Amino acid sequence: MLGLKLPTDPRWVNIVEKNIDEILTDHAYCEQKAASTAISLIITFPEYTELIQEMIALSREEMGHFKMVHDKILARGKTLGRYRKDEYAIQLLKFFPKGGNRTTQLVHRLLYAALIEARSCERFRLLSEELKDKELADFYQKLMVSEAGHYTMFLKFARKYGNKEEVDKKWQELLEYEAEIMKDLGRKETIHG
C-alpha cells in the first residue's frame, strides 16, 4: 500500500529495543516537525483553502501526538532529550531542485511530506508487530493508522494541485531515490534513520 521500494530491515527493532529512550526522543521531535510542516504550508500557501483546513487539523493532531510521546517519556522517569539532525530528511530534501513556480514548490513539499509519513507508517507497523514491550507496541499500532491517513492526504493534495501524471512520475522517482538513501540508514535508534 505504501509503495516503499525498500522495506526496513526487521533487525532495526533490535536497535530500538536497546535504546527506547532515544527512539522516543527522536519520535517526539518527528511529531513536532510534522506539526511545523503543516503550519509552514499554511503560512506559505494560504490561497489553497482546502489544504489550509486540513493543515490546521493536522497541526493539532501532530502536537497531540507529540504530547502522547512526551507523556510516555515522562512515565518512564525521563525527560525529553536534545534534538538531533534528521539525516533521512536532509537526504530526502536533496532530491528536489531549488526554485520553480509556486505550484511546483507546493507539490514538492507535499510529496516530501507524504514520503516521510509513509516511512513513519511502515516503521510504526514494524514496532507494533515486533516490540516486546506490549504497551509500546499497542501505542505504535494506533499511531500507524494515523500516519497512513497523513500519507494518503499529502499524496492526494499533490495530485490535485499538480499535473497527476507528472506528480505520479515524480513520486515514483522519489520512491526510488528514497530506497537508495535507506540502504545507508536503519542502523540507529531514530524513527527514519
N, C-alpha and C. Protein backbone atom coordinates (compact mmCIF):
# COMPACT_ATOMS: atom_id res chain seq x y z
N MET A 1 0.82 -1.20 0.00
CA MET A 1 0.00 0.00 0.00
C MET A 1 0.86 1.26 0.00
N LEU A 2 1.93 1.27 0.77
CA LEU A 2 2.75 2.47 0.90
C LEU A 2 3.63 2.72 -0.31
N GLY A 3 3.93 1.69 -1.05
CA GLY A 3 4.74 1.85 -2.25
C GLY A 3 6.23 1.98 -2.00
N LEU A 4 6.67 1.83 -0.76
CA LEU A 4 8.10 1.96 -0.47
C LEU A 4 8.87 0.88 -1.21
N LYS A 5 10.01 1.25 -1.77
CA LYS A 5 10.78 0.32 -2.60
C LYS A 5 11.75 -0.54 -1.80
N LEU A 6 12.07 -0.11 -0.59
CA LEU A 6 12.99 -0.87 0.26
C LEU A 6 12.42 -0.92 1.68
N PRO A 7 11.92 -2.09 2.09
CA PRO A 7 11.39 -2.18 3.45
C PRO A 7 12.50 -2.07 4.50
N THR A 8 12.10 -1.64 5.66
CA THR A 8 13.04 -1.57 6.78
C THR A 8 13.47 -2.98 7.18
N ASP A 9 14.75 -3.14 7.41
CA ASP A 9 15.28 -4.41 7.91
C ASP A 9 14.68 -4.64 9.30
N PRO A 10 14.00 -5.77 9.53
CA PRO A 10 13.38 -6.04 10.83
C PRO A 10 14.35 -5.97 12.00
N ARG A 11 15.65 -6.14 11.73
CA ARG A 11 16.65 -6.05 12.82
C ARG A 11 16.73 -4.66 13.42
N TRP A 12 16.18 -3.66 12.70
CA TRP A 12 16.14 -2.29 13.23
C TRP A 12 15.43 -2.27 14.59
N VAL A 13 14.41 -3.12 14.75
CA VAL A 13 13.67 -3.17 16.02
C VAL A 13 14.59 -3.56 17.17
N ASN A 14 15.59 -4.40 16.92
CA ASN A 14 16.55 -4.77 17.97
C ASN A 14 17.31 -3.55 18.45
N ILE A 15 17.68 -2.68 17.53
CA ILE A 15 18.38 -1.43 17.89
C ILE A 15 17.46 -0.57 18.74
N VAL A 16 16.20 -0.47 18.31
CA VAL A 16 15.22 0.33 19.04
C VAL A 16 15.04 -0.19 20.46
N GLU A 17 14.90 -1.50 20.61
CA GLU A 17 14.63 -2.07 21.93
C GLU A 17 15.76 -1.82 22.92
N LYS A 18 16.97 -1.68 22.43
CA LYS A 18 18.10 -1.39 23.30
C LYS A 18 18.21 0.10 23.62
N ASN A 19 17.42 0.91 22.91
CA ASN A 19 17.53 2.37 23.03
C ASN A 19 16.15 3.04 23.02
N ILE A 20 15.23 2.51 23.81
CA ILE A 20 13.85 3.03 23.80
C ILE A 20 13.80 4.53 24.12
N ASP A 21 14.58 4.96 25.09
CA ASP A 21 14.54 6.39 25.45
C ASP A 21 14.97 7.26 24.27
N GLU A 22 15.97 6.80 23.53
CA GLU A 22 16.44 7.56 22.36
C GLU A 22 15.39 7.60 21.25
N ILE A 23 14.74 6.48 21.00
CA ILE A 23 13.74 6.45 19.93
C ILE A 23 12.54 7.32 20.30
N LEU A 24 12.18 7.31 21.57
CA LEU A 24 11.05 8.16 22.00
C LEU A 24 11.39 9.64 21.85
N THR A 25 12.62 10.01 22.17
CA THR A 25 13.02 11.41 21.98
C THR A 25 12.99 11.77 20.50
N ASP A 26 13.57 10.92 19.66
CA ASP A 26 13.56 11.18 18.23
C ASP A 26 12.13 11.26 17.70
N HIS A 27 11.30 10.35 18.16
CA HIS A 27 9.90 10.34 17.73
C HIS A 27 9.19 11.63 18.14
N ALA A 28 9.44 12.08 19.35
CA ALA A 28 8.80 13.32 19.81
C ALA A 28 9.15 14.48 18.87
N TYR A 29 10.42 14.58 18.50
CA TYR A 29 10.82 15.66 17.60
C TYR A 29 10.24 15.47 16.20
N CYS A 30 10.05 14.24 15.77
CA CYS A 30 9.40 13.99 14.47
C CYS A 30 7.97 14.53 14.48
N GLU A 31 7.27 14.33 15.59
CA GLU A 31 5.91 14.84 15.69
C GLU A 31 5.90 16.37 15.68
N GLN A 32 6.86 16.98 16.36
CA GLN A 32 6.97 18.45 16.33
C GLN A 32 7.21 18.94 14.91
N LYS A 33 8.12 18.26 14.19
CA LYS A 33 8.44 18.67 12.82
C LYS A 33 7.23 18.50 11.90
N ALA A 34 6.44 17.46 12.14
CA ALA A 34 5.23 17.26 11.33
C ALA A 34 4.24 18.40 11.56
N ALA A 35 4.08 18.81 12.81
CA ALA A 35 3.20 19.95 13.10
C ALA A 35 3.76 21.22 12.46
N SER A 36 5.05 21.39 12.54
CA SER A 36 5.71 22.55 11.95
C SER A 36 5.54 22.59 10.44
N THR A 37 5.62 21.43 9.80
CA THR A 37 5.42 21.35 8.35
C THR A 37 4.01 21.81 7.99
N ALA A 38 3.02 21.35 8.74
CA ALA A 38 1.64 21.76 8.48
C ALA A 38 1.48 23.28 8.63
N ILE A 39 2.07 23.84 9.67
CA ILE A 39 1.98 25.29 9.88
C ILE A 39 2.71 26.04 8.78
N SER A 40 3.86 25.54 8.37
CA SER A 40 4.63 26.15 7.29
C SER A 40 3.83 26.18 5.98
N LEU A 41 3.11 25.10 5.70
CA LEU A 41 2.27 25.07 4.49
C LEU A 41 1.16 26.10 4.57
N ILE A 42 0.59 26.29 5.74
CA ILE A 42 -0.45 27.31 5.94
C ILE A 42 0.12 28.69 5.65
N ILE A 43 1.30 28.97 6.18
CA ILE A 43 1.92 30.28 6.03
C ILE A 43 2.34 30.53 4.58
N THR A 44 2.90 29.53 3.94
CA THR A 44 3.47 29.70 2.61
C THR A 44 2.44 29.65 1.50
N PHE A 45 1.37 28.87 1.68
CA PHE A 45 0.39 28.69 0.61
C PHE A 45 -1.03 28.98 1.09
N PRO A 46 -1.30 30.20 1.58
CA PRO A 46 -2.60 30.49 2.18
C PRO A 46 -3.77 30.48 1.19
N GLU A 47 -3.47 30.54 -0.10
CA GLU A 47 -4.55 30.59 -1.09
C GLU A 47 -5.20 29.23 -1.35
N TYR A 48 -4.63 28.15 -0.81
CA TYR A 48 -5.18 26.81 -1.02
C TYR A 48 -6.07 26.46 0.17
N THR A 49 -7.32 26.91 0.12
CA THR A 49 -8.23 26.83 1.26
C THR A 49 -8.43 25.41 1.78
N GLU A 50 -8.66 24.45 0.88
CA GLU A 50 -8.89 23.08 1.33
C GLU A 50 -7.65 22.54 2.04
N LEU A 51 -6.48 22.81 1.48
CA LEU A 51 -5.22 22.39 2.10
C LEU A 51 -5.07 23.03 3.48
N ILE A 52 -5.38 24.31 3.57
CA ILE A 52 -5.25 25.03 4.86
C ILE A 52 -6.12 24.37 5.92
N GLN A 53 -7.36 24.04 5.56
CA GLN A 53 -8.26 23.41 6.53
C GLN A 53 -7.68 22.09 7.04
N GLU A 54 -7.13 21.30 6.14
CA GLU A 54 -6.53 20.03 6.53
C GLU A 54 -5.27 20.24 7.38
N MET A 55 -4.49 21.26 7.03
CA MET A 55 -3.25 21.51 7.77
C MET A 55 -3.53 22.03 9.18
N ILE A 56 -4.60 22.77 9.34
CA ILE A 56 -4.99 23.21 10.70
C ILE A 56 -5.26 21.97 11.56
N ALA A 57 -6.06 21.05 11.01
CA ALA A 57 -6.38 19.82 11.75
C ALA A 57 -5.12 18.98 11.98
N LEU A 58 -4.27 18.90 10.96
CA LEU A 58 -3.06 18.09 11.09
C LEU A 58 -2.11 18.66 12.14
N SER A 59 -1.94 19.97 12.17
CA SER A 59 -1.02 20.55 13.16
C SER A 59 -1.50 20.25 14.58
N ARG A 60 -2.80 20.31 14.78
CA ARG A 60 -3.35 19.96 16.11
C ARG A 60 -3.09 18.49 16.43
N GLU A 61 -3.37 17.63 15.45
CA GLU A 61 -3.19 16.19 15.67
C GLU A 61 -1.73 15.86 15.97
N GLU A 62 -0.82 16.43 15.20
CA GLU A 62 0.61 16.14 15.39
C GLU A 62 1.10 16.64 16.75
N MET A 63 0.63 17.78 17.19
CA MET A 63 1.02 18.24 18.53
C MET A 63 0.40 17.35 19.60
N GLY A 64 -0.78 16.81 19.32
CA GLY A 64 -1.37 15.82 20.24
C GLY A 64 -0.50 14.57 20.32
N HIS A 65 0.03 14.16 19.15
CA HIS A 65 0.94 13.01 19.14
C HIS A 65 2.23 13.33 19.90
N PHE A 66 2.73 14.56 19.72
CA PHE A 66 3.91 14.96 20.48
C PHE A 66 3.66 14.82 21.98
N LYS A 67 2.50 15.30 22.43
CA LYS A 67 2.17 15.20 23.85
C LYS A 67 2.10 13.74 24.30
N MET A 68 1.52 12.89 23.46
CA MET A 68 1.43 11.47 23.81
C MET A 68 2.83 10.85 23.97
N VAL A 69 3.72 11.17 23.05
CA VAL A 69 5.09 10.64 23.14
C VAL A 69 5.80 11.23 24.35
N HIS A 70 5.63 12.54 24.55
CA HIS A 70 6.27 13.19 25.70
C HIS A 70 5.77 12.57 27.00
N ASP A 71 4.48 12.28 27.07
CA ASP A 71 3.93 11.63 28.26
C ASP A 71 4.56 10.25 28.48
N LYS A 72 4.82 9.52 27.39
CA LYS A 72 5.49 8.22 27.51
C LYS A 72 6.90 8.40 28.09
N ILE A 73 7.58 9.43 27.63
CA ILE A 73 8.94 9.72 28.14
C ILE A 73 8.88 10.01 29.63
N LEU A 74 7.96 10.86 30.02
CA LEU A 74 7.83 11.22 31.44
C LEU A 74 7.44 10.02 32.29
N ALA A 75 6.55 9.17 31.76
CA ALA A 75 6.12 7.97 32.50
C ALA A 75 7.29 7.02 32.74
N ARG A 76 8.30 7.09 31.91
CA ARG A 76 9.48 6.24 32.06
C ARG A 76 10.51 6.90 33.00
N GLY A 77 10.13 8.04 33.60
CA GLY A 77 11.02 8.72 34.52
C GLY A 77 12.14 9.49 33.83
N LYS A 78 11.94 9.83 32.58
CA LYS A 78 12.96 10.53 31.79
C LYS A 78 12.48 11.92 31.42
N THR A 79 13.35 12.69 30.79
CA THR A 79 12.97 13.98 30.23
C THR A 79 13.28 13.95 28.73
N LEU A 80 12.67 14.84 28.01
CA LEU A 80 12.89 14.92 26.57
C LEU A 80 14.36 15.22 26.32
N GLY A 81 14.98 14.39 25.51
CA GLY A 81 16.39 14.58 25.17
C GLY A 81 16.57 15.72 24.18
N ARG A 82 17.80 15.93 23.81
CA ARG A 82 18.12 17.03 22.89
C ARG A 82 17.79 16.64 21.45
N TYR A 83 17.48 17.67 20.68
CA TYR A 83 17.18 17.50 19.26
C TYR A 83 18.46 17.12 18.51
N ARG A 84 18.31 16.20 17.55
CA ARG A 84 19.42 15.83 16.67
C ARG A 84 18.98 16.02 15.23
N LYS A 85 19.93 16.28 14.37
CA LYS A 85 19.61 16.41 12.94
C LYS A 85 19.01 15.11 12.43
N ASP A 86 18.09 15.23 11.50
CA ASP A 86 17.45 14.08 10.88
C ASP A 86 18.11 13.83 9.53
N GLU A 87 19.08 12.90 9.49
CA GLU A 87 19.81 12.62 8.25
C GLU A 87 18.89 12.20 7.12
N TYR A 88 17.87 11.45 7.46
CA TYR A 88 16.90 11.00 6.46
C TYR A 88 16.26 12.20 5.76
N ALA A 89 15.73 13.12 6.54
CA ALA A 89 15.07 14.30 5.97
C ALA A 89 16.05 15.15 5.18
N ILE A 90 17.25 15.31 5.68
CA ILE A 90 18.27 16.09 4.97
C ILE A 90 18.56 15.48 3.61
N GLN A 91 18.72 14.17 3.58
CA GLN A 91 19.00 13.48 2.31
C GLN A 91 17.81 13.56 1.35
N LEU A 92 16.59 13.41 1.88
CA LEU A 92 15.39 13.48 1.03
C LEU A 92 15.27 14.83 0.35
N LEU A 93 15.55 15.89 1.08
CA LEU A 93 15.41 17.24 0.52
C LEU A 93 16.32 17.45 -0.69
N LYS A 94 17.41 16.74 -0.75
CA LYS A 94 18.35 16.89 -1.87
C LYS A 94 17.76 16.43 -3.19
N PHE A 95 16.69 15.65 -3.14
CA PHE A 95 16.05 15.16 -4.35
C PHE A 95 15.41 16.29 -5.15
N PHE A 96 14.86 17.25 -4.44
CA PHE A 96 14.08 18.30 -5.10
C PHE A 96 14.96 19.48 -5.51
N PRO A 97 14.86 19.90 -6.78
CA PRO A 97 15.64 21.07 -7.21
C PRO A 97 15.11 22.34 -6.56
N LYS A 98 15.97 23.29 -6.36
CA LYS A 98 15.57 24.59 -5.81
C LYS A 98 14.80 25.35 -6.88
N GLY A 99 13.96 26.26 -6.42
CA GLY A 99 13.25 27.14 -7.35
C GLY A 99 12.00 26.50 -7.92
N GLY A 100 11.59 27.01 -9.07
CA GLY A 100 10.35 26.57 -9.68
C GLY A 100 9.20 27.46 -9.27
N ASN A 101 8.09 27.32 -9.95
CA ASN A 101 6.93 28.16 -9.62
C ASN A 101 6.29 27.69 -8.31
N ARG A 102 5.33 28.44 -7.83
CA ARG A 102 4.70 28.13 -6.55
C ARG A 102 4.04 26.75 -6.55
N THR A 103 3.39 26.42 -7.65
CA THR A 103 2.73 25.11 -7.71
C THR A 103 3.75 23.99 -7.61
N THR A 104 4.85 24.12 -8.33
CA THR A 104 5.90 23.10 -8.27
C THR A 104 6.46 23.00 -6.86
N GLN A 105 6.71 24.13 -6.23
CA GLN A 105 7.22 24.11 -4.85
C GLN A 105 6.24 23.43 -3.91
N LEU A 106 4.95 23.73 -4.08
CA LEU A 106 3.94 23.11 -3.23
C LEU A 106 3.90 21.60 -3.44
N VAL A 107 3.88 21.17 -4.69
CA VAL A 107 3.83 19.73 -4.99
C VAL A 107 5.05 19.03 -4.40
N HIS A 108 6.22 19.62 -4.53
CA HIS A 108 7.43 19.01 -3.97
C HIS A 108 7.32 18.87 -2.46
N ARG A 109 6.83 19.90 -1.81
CA ARG A 109 6.69 19.83 -0.34
C ARG A 109 5.67 18.78 0.07
N LEU A 110 4.60 18.66 -0.71
CA LEU A 110 3.58 17.66 -0.40
C LEU A 110 4.12 16.24 -0.60
N LEU A 111 4.90 16.02 -1.66
CA LEU A 111 5.48 14.70 -1.91
C LEU A 111 6.50 14.35 -0.81
N TYR A 112 7.30 15.31 -0.44
CA TYR A 112 8.28 15.14 0.64
C TYR A 112 7.56 14.72 1.93
N ALA A 113 6.49 15.44 2.27
CA ALA A 113 5.73 15.13 3.48
C ALA A 113 5.07 13.76 3.37
N ALA A 114 4.54 13.43 2.20
CA ALA A 114 3.89 12.12 2.00
C ALA A 114 4.87 10.99 2.24
N LEU A 115 6.08 11.14 1.73
CA LEU A 115 7.06 10.06 1.88
C LEU A 115 7.50 9.91 3.33
N ILE A 116 7.70 11.00 4.02
CA ILE A 116 8.06 10.91 5.44
C ILE A 116 6.96 10.21 6.22
N GLU A 117 5.72 10.55 5.94
CA GLU A 117 4.60 9.90 6.63
C GLU A 117 4.52 8.41 6.27
N ALA A 118 4.78 8.08 5.00
CA ALA A 118 4.74 6.67 4.58
C ALA A 118 5.82 5.86 5.31
N ARG A 119 7.03 6.41 5.39
CA ARG A 119 8.11 5.70 6.08
C ARG A 119 7.80 5.59 7.57
N SER A 120 7.24 6.64 8.15
CA SER A 120 6.85 6.58 9.57
C SER A 120 5.82 5.48 9.79
N CYS A 121 4.85 5.42 8.90
CA CYS A 121 3.80 4.40 9.00
C CYS A 121 4.43 3.00 8.94
N GLU A 122 5.34 2.80 8.01
CA GLU A 122 6.00 1.50 7.87
C GLU A 122 6.80 1.15 9.12
N ARG A 123 7.51 2.13 9.66
CA ARG A 123 8.30 1.88 10.87
C ARG A 123 7.40 1.62 12.08
N PHE A 124 6.30 2.37 12.19
CA PHE A 124 5.38 2.16 13.31
C PHE A 124 4.74 0.78 13.22
N ARG A 125 4.44 0.31 12.01
CA ARG A 125 3.89 -1.03 11.85
C ARG A 125 4.88 -2.06 12.38
N LEU A 126 6.13 -1.90 12.00
CA LEU A 126 7.17 -2.82 12.45
C LEU A 126 7.28 -2.81 13.98
N LEU A 127 7.26 -1.63 14.56
CA LEU A 127 7.32 -1.52 16.03
C LEU A 127 6.11 -2.18 16.67
N SER A 128 4.94 -1.96 16.08
CA SER A 128 3.71 -2.52 16.67
C SER A 128 3.71 -4.04 16.62
N GLU A 129 4.38 -4.61 15.63
CA GLU A 129 4.40 -6.07 15.47
C GLU A 129 5.57 -6.75 16.19
N GLU A 130 6.67 -6.03 16.40
CA GLU A 130 7.89 -6.68 16.87
C GLU A 130 8.36 -6.29 18.27
N LEU A 131 7.94 -5.14 18.77
CA LEU A 131 8.40 -4.74 20.11
C LEU A 131 7.93 -5.72 21.17
N LYS A 132 8.81 -6.05 22.08
CA LYS A 132 8.44 -6.95 23.19
C LYS A 132 7.60 -6.22 24.23
N ASP A 133 7.81 -4.91 24.35
CA ASP A 133 7.02 -4.07 25.26
C ASP A 133 5.64 -3.88 24.63
N LYS A 134 4.65 -4.63 25.12
CA LYS A 134 3.32 -4.65 24.51
C LYS A 134 2.61 -3.29 24.61
N GLU A 135 2.86 -2.56 25.68
CA GLU A 135 2.24 -1.24 25.80
C GLU A 135 2.74 -0.32 24.68
N LEU A 136 4.05 -0.33 24.46
CA LEU A 136 4.60 0.48 23.36
C LEU A 136 4.17 -0.06 22.00
N ALA A 137 4.07 -1.35 21.86
CA ALA A 137 3.62 -1.95 20.59
C ALA A 137 2.19 -1.48 20.28
N ASP A 138 1.33 -1.48 21.27
CA ASP A 138 -0.05 -1.00 21.07
C ASP A 138 -0.07 0.49 20.74
N PHE A 139 0.78 1.24 21.39
CA PHE A 139 0.90 2.68 21.14
C PHE A 139 1.26 2.92 19.67
N TYR A 140 2.24 2.18 19.17
CA TYR A 140 2.66 2.37 17.78
C TYR A 140 1.63 1.83 16.78
N GLN A 141 0.84 0.86 17.17
CA GLN A 141 -0.26 0.39 16.31
C GLN A 141 -1.24 1.53 16.05
N LYS A 142 -1.61 2.24 17.11
CA LYS A 142 -2.57 3.34 16.96
C LYS A 142 -1.98 4.46 16.10
N LEU A 143 -0.73 4.78 16.31
CA LEU A 143 -0.10 5.86 15.53
C LEU A 143 0.08 5.46 14.07
N MET A 144 0.30 4.18 13.81
CA MET A 144 0.48 3.70 12.44
C MET A 144 -0.73 4.04 11.58
N VAL A 145 -1.92 3.84 12.10
CA VAL A 145 -3.15 4.10 11.36
C VAL A 145 -3.23 5.58 11.00
N SER A 146 -2.88 6.42 11.94
CA SER A 146 -2.91 7.86 11.71
C SER A 146 -1.92 8.26 10.62
N GLU A 147 -0.71 7.71 10.68
CA GLU A 147 0.32 8.06 9.69
C GLU A 147 -0.10 7.66 8.28
N ALA A 148 -0.78 6.54 8.16
CA ALA A 148 -1.25 6.10 6.84
C ALA A 148 -2.23 7.11 6.26
N GLY A 149 -3.08 7.66 7.10
CA GLY A 149 -4.01 8.69 6.65
C GLY A 149 -3.30 9.95 6.21
N HIS A 150 -2.25 10.32 6.90
CA HIS A 150 -1.49 11.52 6.55
C HIS A 150 -0.79 11.33 5.21
N TYR A 151 -0.19 10.18 5.02
CA TYR A 151 0.50 9.87 3.77
C TYR A 151 -0.44 10.02 2.58
N THR A 152 -1.62 9.41 2.67
CA THR A 152 -2.56 9.47 1.55
C THR A 152 -3.09 10.88 1.34
N MET A 153 -3.28 11.64 2.41
CA MET A 153 -3.76 13.02 2.28
C MET A 153 -2.75 13.88 1.53
N PHE A 154 -1.47 13.80 1.90
CA PHE A 154 -0.46 14.60 1.22
C PHE A 154 -0.35 14.22 -0.26
N LEU A 155 -0.41 12.95 -0.54
CA LEU A 155 -0.32 12.48 -1.92
C LEU A 155 -1.54 12.95 -2.72
N LYS A 156 -2.71 12.89 -2.10
CA LYS A 156 -3.94 13.36 -2.75
C LYS A 156 -3.83 14.83 -3.13
N PHE A 157 -3.33 15.64 -2.21
CA PHE A 157 -3.19 17.08 -2.50
C PHE A 157 -2.15 17.34 -3.59
N ALA A 158 -1.07 16.59 -3.58
CA ALA A 158 -0.05 16.75 -4.63
C ALA A 158 -0.68 16.48 -6.00
N ARG A 159 -1.47 15.42 -6.08
CA ARG A 159 -2.13 15.08 -7.35
C ARG A 159 -3.21 16.09 -7.72
N LYS A 160 -3.84 16.67 -6.74
CA LYS A 160 -4.89 17.66 -7.00
C LYS A 160 -4.30 18.97 -7.53
N TYR A 161 -3.22 19.43 -6.93
CA TYR A 161 -2.66 20.74 -7.29
C TYR A 161 -1.64 20.68 -8.42
N GLY A 162 -1.08 19.52 -8.67
CA GLY A 162 -0.13 19.35 -9.77
C GLY A 162 -0.76 18.54 -10.89
N ASN A 163 -0.05 18.38 -11.97
CA ASN A 163 -0.47 17.52 -13.06
C ASN A 163 -0.32 16.07 -12.58
N LYS A 164 -1.43 15.33 -12.57
CA LYS A 164 -1.44 14.00 -11.97
C LYS A 164 -0.35 13.08 -12.55
N GLU A 165 -0.21 13.07 -13.87
CA GLU A 165 0.79 12.20 -14.49
C GLU A 165 2.20 12.59 -14.07
N GLU A 166 2.46 13.89 -14.06
CA GLU A 166 3.79 14.37 -13.65
C GLU A 166 4.04 14.07 -12.17
N VAL A 167 3.02 14.27 -11.36
CA VAL A 167 3.14 14.00 -9.92
C VAL A 167 3.42 12.52 -9.69
N ASP A 168 2.68 11.64 -10.37
CA ASP A 168 2.88 10.21 -10.21
C ASP A 168 4.28 9.79 -10.66
N LYS A 169 4.77 10.39 -11.73
CA LYS A 169 6.14 10.09 -12.20
C LYS A 169 7.17 10.55 -11.17
N LYS A 170 7.00 11.77 -10.68
CA LYS A 170 7.92 12.32 -9.67
C LYS A 170 7.87 11.47 -8.39
N TRP A 171 6.67 11.02 -8.02
CA TRP A 171 6.51 10.19 -6.82
C TRP A 171 7.30 8.90 -6.96
N GLN A 172 7.20 8.25 -8.11
CA GLN A 172 7.95 7.00 -8.33
C GLN A 172 9.46 7.25 -8.29
N GLU A 173 9.89 8.35 -8.88
CA GLU A 173 11.32 8.70 -8.84
C GLU A 173 11.77 8.96 -7.40
N LEU A 174 10.93 9.63 -6.65
CA LEU A 174 11.25 9.90 -5.24
C LEU A 174 11.33 8.60 -4.44
N LEU A 175 10.42 7.68 -4.70
CA LEU A 175 10.46 6.38 -4.01
C LEU A 175 11.75 5.63 -4.31
N GLU A 176 12.20 5.69 -5.56
CA GLU A 176 13.47 5.04 -5.94
C GLU A 176 14.65 5.72 -5.22
N TYR A 177 14.63 7.03 -5.20
CA TYR A 177 15.69 7.80 -4.53
C TYR A 177 15.73 7.47 -3.04
N GLU A 178 14.54 7.41 -2.43
CA GLU A 178 14.46 7.12 -1.00
C GLU A 178 14.99 5.72 -0.70
N ALA A 179 14.75 4.76 -1.59
CA ALA A 179 15.25 3.40 -1.38
C ALA A 179 16.78 3.40 -1.34
N GLU A 180 17.40 4.23 -2.17
CA GLU A 180 18.87 4.33 -2.16
C GLU A 180 19.35 4.93 -0.84
N ILE A 181 18.66 5.94 -0.35
CA ILE A 181 19.01 6.55 0.94
C ILE A 181 18.93 5.50 2.05
N MET A 182 17.86 4.70 2.02
CA MET A 182 17.61 3.75 3.10
C MET A 182 18.65 2.64 3.16
N LYS A 183 19.37 2.42 2.08
CA LYS A 183 20.43 1.40 2.11
C LYS A 183 21.52 1.75 3.11
N ASP A 184 21.72 3.05 3.36
CA ASP A 184 22.75 3.51 4.29
C ASP A 184 22.20 3.87 5.66
N LEU A 185 20.88 3.74 5.83
CA LEU A 185 20.26 4.09 7.11
C LEU A 185 19.69 2.83 7.75
N GLY A 186 19.04 2.99 8.89
CA GLY A 186 18.42 1.86 9.56
C GLY A 186 19.30 1.20 10.60
N ARG A 187 20.36 1.88 10.97
CA ARG A 187 21.27 1.31 11.98
C ARG A 187 21.32 2.14 13.26
N LYS A 188 20.37 3.08 13.36
CA LYS A 188 20.36 3.96 14.53
C LYS A 188 18.99 3.93 15.19
N GLU A 189 18.97 4.42 16.41
CA GLU A 189 17.74 4.46 17.18
C GLU A 189 16.96 5.74 16.84
N THR A 190 16.63 5.88 15.55
CA THR A 190 15.83 7.01 15.09
C THR A 190 14.66 6.47 14.29
N ILE A 191 13.59 7.24 14.21
CA ILE A 191 12.39 6.80 13.50
C ILE A 191 12.68 6.57 12.03
N HIS A 192 13.45 7.45 11.40
CA HIS A 192 13.68 7.31 9.96
C HIS A 192 15.07 6.82 9.61
N GLY A 193 16.06 7.08 10.45
CA GLY A 193 17.43 6.83 10.05
C GLY A 193 17.99 5.48 10.36
